């Protein structure tokens, strides 16, 4: 019996020792926290705020202090598709992303129960409010403006929760089916209009090119005609110059030969001319004054050679 009691007592001591060691390790693990750079610990001591700790090694008193982890990295909220009514009573489905970052861990823990859930709910209600102030055309055309408006409004609300809204991006906008059909018809009409404009522009450019070609051809034809006229005139001028030069040469030859012709020879030439005039059927004759003087000279010469011929008076 004593051996059994001793053995049982030894086992109880070993179990107790193991329990104490495990308890010590558990307490140490609860007391010493290693906080990464991306997180902060909000510490509540007996229910009261005791500070924000981290990063690095943080000591926490077990059973007295409670901690809440807060991620301070930039994260995003995937807001599911929401149906909003525009100002012109058109239903439209929109889903978007909200990028945020916790800048005040204390406020994110103490001012709201679940900051992420609260941000999602406030984002959906804010979206409906913003869409309700716009027409359908503005919603489809002013996506960037809607993003900025949502970001500003959400940031004003979430600021009291220690959250900073950095970016809001609308991912998809789904208008009603009839609006999509109308948009498709409008796009088809716009494409047809652009095709017509492009075709008309091409035809106009082709007409301009043809007219420009005809203009250049007319200019070239006129230039060729001008050059031909200039060449013809130059040829005629040169021909006349050559004719004049030939005529002048002939006159010079006649003049050189006429220097040796005496008065009797000239008189005989005039008599031949009178004989030809007399044989003409014309009834009127125009005689130069030189002819009479030449006739007188001829008669004087004949009288000198023949005394029977009376001299000319």
Protein backbone atom coordinates (compact mmCIF):
# COMPACT_ATOMS: atom_id res chain seq x y z
CA UNK A 1 0.00 0.00 0.00
CA UNK A 2 2.76 2.41 0.83
CA UNK A 3 4.39 1.62 -2.50
CA UNK A 4 1.10 2.34 -4.28
CA UNK A 5 0.64 5.60 -2.46
CA UNK A 6 4.18 6.58 -3.22
CA UNK A 7 3.73 5.68 -6.90
CA UNK A 8 0.40 7.52 -7.14
CA UNK A 9 1.81 10.51 -5.32
CA UNK A 10 4.76 10.60 -7.71
CA UNK A 11 2.48 10.48 -10.75
CA UNK A 12 0.31 13.31 -9.38
CA UNK A 13 3.37 15.45 -8.85
CA UNK A 14 4.55 14.82 -12.41
CA UNK A 15 1.10 15.67 -13.82
CA UNK A 16 0.93 18.78 -11.71
CA UNK A 17 4.37 19.83 -12.87
CA UNK A 18 3.43 19.30 -16.50
CA UNK A 19 0.26 21.31 -15.98
CA UNK A 20 2.17 24.13 -14.38
CA UNK A 21 4.71 24.17 -17.21
CA UNK A 22 1.95 24.23 -19.84
CA UNK A 23 0.19 26.98 -17.93
CA UNK A 24 3.37 29.01 -17.82
CA UNK A 25 3.93 28.56 -21.55
CA UNK A 26 0.31 29.53 -22.25
CA UNK A 27 0.61 32.62 -20.10
CA UNK A 28 3.85 33.57 -21.79
CA UNK A 29 2.24 33.09 -25.20
CA UNK A 30 -0.65 35.28 -24.09
CA UNK A 31 1.61 37.91 -22.62
CA UNK A 32 4.08 38.23 -25.48
CA UNK A 33 2.69 39.13 -28.92
CA UNK A 34 4.70 39.69 -32.07
CA UNK A 35 2.80 42.22 -34.15
CA UNK A 36 3.73 42.51 -37.88
CA UNK A 37 4.14 45.85 -39.64
CA UNK A 38 0.77 45.46 -41.36
CA UNK A 39 -1.24 45.21 -38.11
CA UNK A 40 -1.91 47.14 -34.93
CA UNK A 41 -3.27 45.97 -31.58
CA UNK A 42 -5.98 48.00 -29.88
CA UNK A 43 -5.67 47.18 -26.15
CA UNK A 44 -8.58 47.36 -23.69
CA UNK A 45 -7.64 47.14 -20.04
CA UNK A 46 -10.62 46.04 -17.95
CA UNK A 47 -12.89 47.37 -20.69
CA UNK A 48 -11.15 50.75 -21.03
CA UNK A 49 -9.00 51.83 -23.93
CA UNK A 50 -5.34 51.36 -22.98
CA UNK A 51 -3.61 52.34 -26.21
CA UNK A 52 -2.69 51.11 -29.65
CA UNK A 53 0.44 48.95 -29.75
CA UNK A 54 2.68 47.58 -32.42
CA UNK A 55 4.45 46.72 -34.55
CA UNK A 56 7.10 44.55 -32.94
CA UNK A 57 7.06 42.73 -29.57
CA UNK A 58 4.02 43.70 -27.45
CA UNK A 59 3.37 42.63 -23.83
CA UNK A 60 -0.23 42.02 -22.82
CA UNK A 61 -1.45 41.19 -19.30
CA UNK A 62 -3.61 38.09 -19.51
CA UNK A 63 -7.18 38.26 -18.11
CA UNK A 64 -6.75 42.01 -17.60
CA UNK A 65 -6.10 43.33 -21.08
CA UNK A 66 -7.94 42.39 -24.23
CA UNK A 67 -6.64 43.07 -27.72
CA UNK A 68 -8.25 43.62 -31.12
CA UNK A 69 -6.23 43.21 -34.29
CA UNK A 70 -6.64 45.87 -36.95
CA UNK A 71 -5.13 45.56 -40.45
CA UNK A 72 -3.75 48.93 -41.58
CA UNK A 73 -2.99 47.93 -45.18
CA UNK A 74 -5.00 49.29 -48.10
CA UNK A 75 -7.77 46.85 -48.85
CA UNK A 76 -10.85 46.81 -51.03
CA UNK A 77 -14.54 46.09 -50.71
CA UNK A 78 -16.28 44.28 -53.53
CA UNK A 79 -19.73 45.87 -53.46
CA UNK A 80 -22.26 43.52 -55.08
CA UNK A 81 -24.51 44.72 -57.90
CA UNK A 82 -26.98 47.32 -56.69
CA UNK A 83 -30.10 48.55 -58.46
CA UNK A 84 -30.58 52.29 -58.45
CA UNK A 85 -33.30 54.54 -59.89
CA UNK A 86 -32.06 57.50 -61.90
CA UNK A 87 -33.66 60.92 -61.85
CA UNK A 88 -35.61 60.07 -65.02
CA UNK A 89 -36.98 56.88 -63.36
CA UNK A 90 -34.78 54.39 -65.19
CA UNK A 91 -33.60 51.34 -63.17
CA UNK A 92 -29.93 50.56 -63.56
CA UNK A 93 -27.61 47.94 -62.01
CA UNK A 94 -24.14 49.00 -60.85
CA UNK A 95 -21.39 47.15 -59.04
CA UNK A 96 -18.17 48.81 -57.94
CA UNK A 97 -15.05 48.50 -55.81
CA UNK A 98 -14.13 50.62 -52.78
CA UNK A 99 -10.47 50.87 -51.76
CA UNK A 100 -9.90 51.90 -48.16
CA UNK A 101 -7.27 52.02 -45.43
CA UNK A 102 -7.66 52.18 -41.64
CA UNK A 103 -5.74 55.22 -40.42
CA UNK A 104 -7.08 55.30 -36.83
CA UNK A 105 -7.27 51.76 -35.35
CA UNK A 106 -8.76 53.14 -32.13
CA UNK A 107 -11.78 54.62 -33.92
CA UNK A 108 -12.21 51.53 -36.09
CA UNK A 109 -12.64 49.45 -32.90
CA UNK A 110 -14.39 51.82 -30.52
CA UNK A 111 -16.72 53.77 -32.85
CA UNK A 112 -18.30 50.97 -34.88
CA UNK A 113 -19.05 47.31 -34.32
CA UNK A 114 -17.77 46.02 -37.68
CA UNK A 115 -16.11 48.68 -39.75
CA UNK A 116 -16.03 46.61 -42.95
CA UNK A 117 -19.73 45.68 -42.81
CA UNK A 118 -20.63 49.26 -41.97
CA UNK A 119 -18.60 50.53 -44.94
CA UNK A 120 -20.35 48.11 -47.31
CA UNK A 121 -23.79 49.20 -46.13
CA UNK A 122 -22.99 52.91 -46.31
CA UNK A 123 -21.51 52.45 -49.79
CA UNK A 124 -24.71 50.87 -51.15
CA UNK A 125 -26.96 53.59 -49.74
CA UNK A 126 -24.63 56.34 -50.93
CA UNK A 127 -24.60 54.84 -54.42
CA UNK A 128 -28.39 54.93 -54.62
CA UNK A 129 -28.40 58.55 -53.46
CA UNK A 130 -25.83 59.60 -56.05
CA UNK A 131 -27.56 57.73 -58.89
CA UNK A 132 -30.89 59.26 -57.94
CA UNK A 133 -29.50 62.75 -58.63
CA UNK A 134 -28.41 61.88 -62.19
CA UNK A 135 -30.19 61.04 -65.43
CA UNK A 136 -29.55 57.80 -67.25
CA UNK A 137 -27.43 59.51 -69.90
CA UNK A 138 -25.28 61.14 -67.20
CA UNK A 139 -24.80 57.80 -65.43
CA UNK A 140 -23.62 56.20 -68.66
CA UNK A 141 -21.41 59.11 -69.71
CA UNK A 142 -20.00 60.47 -66.43
CA UNK A 143 -18.45 57.44 -64.79
CA UNK A 144 -15.37 59.30 -63.54
CA UNK A 145 -17.52 62.01 -62.01
CA UNK A 146 -19.62 59.39 -60.21
CA UNK A 147 -16.45 57.74 -58.90
CA UNK A 148 -15.21 61.03 -57.44
CA UNK A 149 -18.60 61.87 -55.93
CA UNK A 150 -18.86 58.47 -54.26
CA UNK A 151 -15.33 58.68 -52.91
CA UNK A 152 -15.89 62.12 -51.38
CA UNK A 153 -19.23 61.21 -49.81
CA UNK A 154 -17.99 57.88 -48.44
CA UNK A 155 -14.83 59.48 -47.07
CA UNK A 156 -16.88 62.09 -45.22
CA UNK A 157 -18.94 59.37 -43.53
CA UNK A 158 -16.20 56.84 -42.77
CA UNK A 159 -13.79 59.44 -41.42
CA UNK A 160 -15.38 59.14 -37.97
CA UNK A 161 -14.59 55.41 -38.05
CA UNK A 162 -10.89 55.98 -38.65
CA UNK A 163 -11.20 54.80 -42.26
CA UNK A 164 -9.83 56.60 -45.31
CA UNK A 165 -11.52 55.94 -48.68
CA UNK A 166 -8.74 56.15 -51.27
CA UNK A 167 -10.45 55.12 -54.51
CA UNK A 168 -13.87 54.18 -55.85
CA UNK A 169 -14.08 52.39 -59.20
CA UNK A 170 -17.34 51.50 -60.94
CA UNK A 171 -16.79 48.09 -62.49
CA UNK A 172 -19.93 47.56 -64.55
CA UNK A 173 -23.12 49.42 -65.42
CA UNK A 174 -26.09 47.48 -66.74
CA UNK A 175 -28.94 49.59 -68.13
CA UNK A 176 -32.42 48.08 -68.73
CA UNK A 177 -32.96 45.78 -71.72
CA UNK A 178 -34.98 48.32 -73.70
CA UNK A 179 -32.29 50.93 -73.08
CA UNK A 180 -29.62 48.51 -74.30
CA UNK A 181 -31.66 47.85 -77.45
CA UNK A 182 -32.03 51.59 -78.05
CA UNK A 183 -28.30 52.08 -77.48
CA UNK A 184 -27.54 49.30 -79.98
CA UNK A 185 -29.80 50.93 -82.57
CA UNK A 186 -28.17 54.28 -81.88
CA UNK A 187 -24.71 52.75 -82.27
CA UNK A 188 -25.77 51.17 -85.57
CA UNK A 189 -27.12 54.49 -86.79
CA UNK A 190 -23.93 56.23 -85.68
CA UNK A 191 -21.78 53.67 -87.50
CA UNK A 192 -23.93 54.11 -90.62
CA UNK A 193 -23.60 57.88 -90.33
CA UNK A 194 -19.84 57.63 -90.01
CA UNK A 195 -19.71 55.28 -92.99
CA UNK A 196 -21.78 57.75 -95.03
CA UNK A 197 -19.58 60.63 -93.97
CA UNK A 198 -16.46 58.64 -94.79
CA UNK A 199 -17.87 57.63 -98.18
CA UNK A 200 -18.90 61.22 -98.97
CA UNK A 201 -15.50 62.46 -97.85
CA UNK A 202 -13.81 59.91 -100.10
CA UNK A 203 -15.98 60.90 -103.06
CA UNK A 204 -15.28 64.57 -102.41
CA UNK A 205 -11.54 63.93 -102.23
CA UNK A 206 -11.76 61.87 -105.42
CA UNK A 207 -13.65 64.69 -107.18
CA UNK A 208 -11.07 67.18 -105.95
CA UNK A 209 -8.28 64.92 -107.20
CA UNK A 210 -9.98 64.57 -110.62
CA UNK A 211 -10.56 68.32 -110.86
CA UNK A 212 -6.99 68.96 -109.81
CA UNK A 213 -5.79 66.52 -112.47
CA UNK A 214 -7.92 68.20 -115.12
CA UNK A 215 -6.64 71.57 -114.00
CA UNK A 216 -3.04 70.40 -114.24
CA UNK A 217 -3.78 68.86 -117.65
CA UNK A 218 -5.35 72.13 -118.86
CA UNK A 219 -2.36 74.05 -117.55
CA UNK A 220 0.00 71.66 -119.31
CA UNK A 221 -2.03 71.88 -122.55
CA UNK A 222 -2.07 75.67 -122.36
CA UNK A 223 1.64 75.68 -121.63
CA UNK A 224 2.24 73.40 -124.60
CA UNK A 225 0.06 75.58 -126.84
CA UNK A 226 1.95 78.63 -125.67
CA UNK A 227 5.29 76.99 -126.36
CA UNK A 228 4.03 75.89 -129.82
CA UNK A 229 2.82 79.41 -130.62
CA UNK A 230 6.13 80.84 -129.46
CA UNK A 231 8.03 78.35 -131.59
CA UNK A 232 5.82 79.05 -134.62
CA UNK A 233 6.23 82.80 -134.18
CA UNK A 234 9.96 82.35 -133.77
CA UNK A 235 10.04 80.23 -136.91
CA UNK A 236 8.02 82.83 -138.85
CA UNK A 237 10.26 85.59 -137.58
CA UNK A 238 13.35 83.74 -138.57
CA UNK A 239 11.78 82.95 -141.96
CA UNK A 240 10.92 86.63 -142.52
CA UNK A 241 14.40 87.62 -141.42
CA UNK A 242 15.87 85.18 -143.91
CA UNK A 243 13.51 86.43 -146.63
CA UNK A 244 14.41 90.03 -145.83
CA UNK A 245 18.06 89.15 -145.84
CA UNK A 246 17.64 87.43 -149.23
CA UNK A 247 15.66 90.37 -150.61
CA UNK A 248 18.27 92.79 -149.32
CA UNK A 249 20.98 90.69 -150.90
CA UNK A 250 19.03 90.71 -154.18
CA UNK A 251 18.62 94.49 -154.00
CA UNK A 252 22.28 94.87 -153.29
CA UNK A 253 23.06 92.70 -156.34
CA UNK A 254 20.65 94.71 -158.50
CA UNK A 255 22.06 97.94 -157.20
CA UNK A 256 25.60 96.81 -157.91
CA UNK A 257 24.64 95.85 -161.45
CA UNK A 258 22.50 98.99 -162.01
CA UNK A 259 25.48 101.28 -161.41
CA UNK A 260 26.89 100.27 -164.79
CA UNK A 261 23.59 100.74 -166.70
CA UNK A 262 23.54 103.97 -168.87
CA UNK A 263 20.56 106.20 -169.65
CA UNK A 264 19.93 104.59 -173.04
CA UNK A 265 19.53 101.20 -171.45
CA UNK A 266 17.08 102.61 -168.92
CA UNK A 267 15.16 104.33 -171.69
CA UNK A 268 14.84 101.08 -173.58
CA UNK A 269 13.56 99.43 -170.43
CA UNK A 270 10.90 102.15 -170.07
CA UNK A 271 9.90 101.72 -173.72
CA UNK A 272 9.41 98.01 -173.14
CA UNK A 273 7.29 98.85 -170.13
CA UNK A 274 5.19 101.25 -172.26
CA UNK A 275 4.72 98.60 -174.91
CA UNK A 276 3.42 96.15 -172.28
CA UNK A 277 1.11 98.79 -170.86
CA UNK A 278 -0.23 99.58 -174.30
CA UNK A 279 -1.03 95.97 -174.99
CA UNK A 280 -3.12 95.82 -171.82
CA UNK A 281 -6.96 95.88 -172.23
CA UNK A 282 -7.25 98.56 -169.57
CA UNK A 283 -8.58 101.97 -170.62
CA UNK A 284 -6.86 103.93 -167.89
CA UNK A 285 -3.09 104.21 -167.41
CA UNK A 286 -1.07 105.75 -164.62
CA UNK A 287 2.32 106.89 -165.83
CA UNK A 288 5.04 108.08 -163.45
CA UNK A 289 6.56 111.54 -163.90
CA UNK A 290 9.94 109.98 -164.48
CA UNK A 291 8.62 108.41 -167.69
CA UNK A 292 8.13 111.77 -169.40
CA UNK A 293 11.58 112.94 -168.43
CA UNK A 294 13.02 109.70 -169.68
CA UNK A 295 11.11 110.09 -172.94
CA UNK A 296 12.53 113.59 -173.36
CA UNK A 297 16.02 112.29 -172.74
CA UNK A 298 15.43 109.53 -175.25
CA UNK A 299 14.21 111.95 -177.90
CA UNK A 300 17.16 114.24 -177.25
CA UNK A 301 19.54 111.34 -177.69
CA UNK A 302 17.85 110.24 -180.88
CA UNK A 303 17.97 113.78 -182.24
CA UNK A 304 21.63 113.97 -181.50
CA UNK A 305 22.23 110.77 -183.40
CA UNK A 306 19.81 111.57 -186.22
CA UNK A 307 19.57 115.23 -187.32
CA UNK A 308 16.20 114.56 -189.00
CA UNK A 309 14.48 113.90 -185.71
CA UNK A 310 13.27 117.12 -184.08
CA UNK A 311 14.43 117.60 -180.47
CA UNK A 312 11.94 117.07 -177.63
CA UNK A 313 10.42 120.20 -176.15
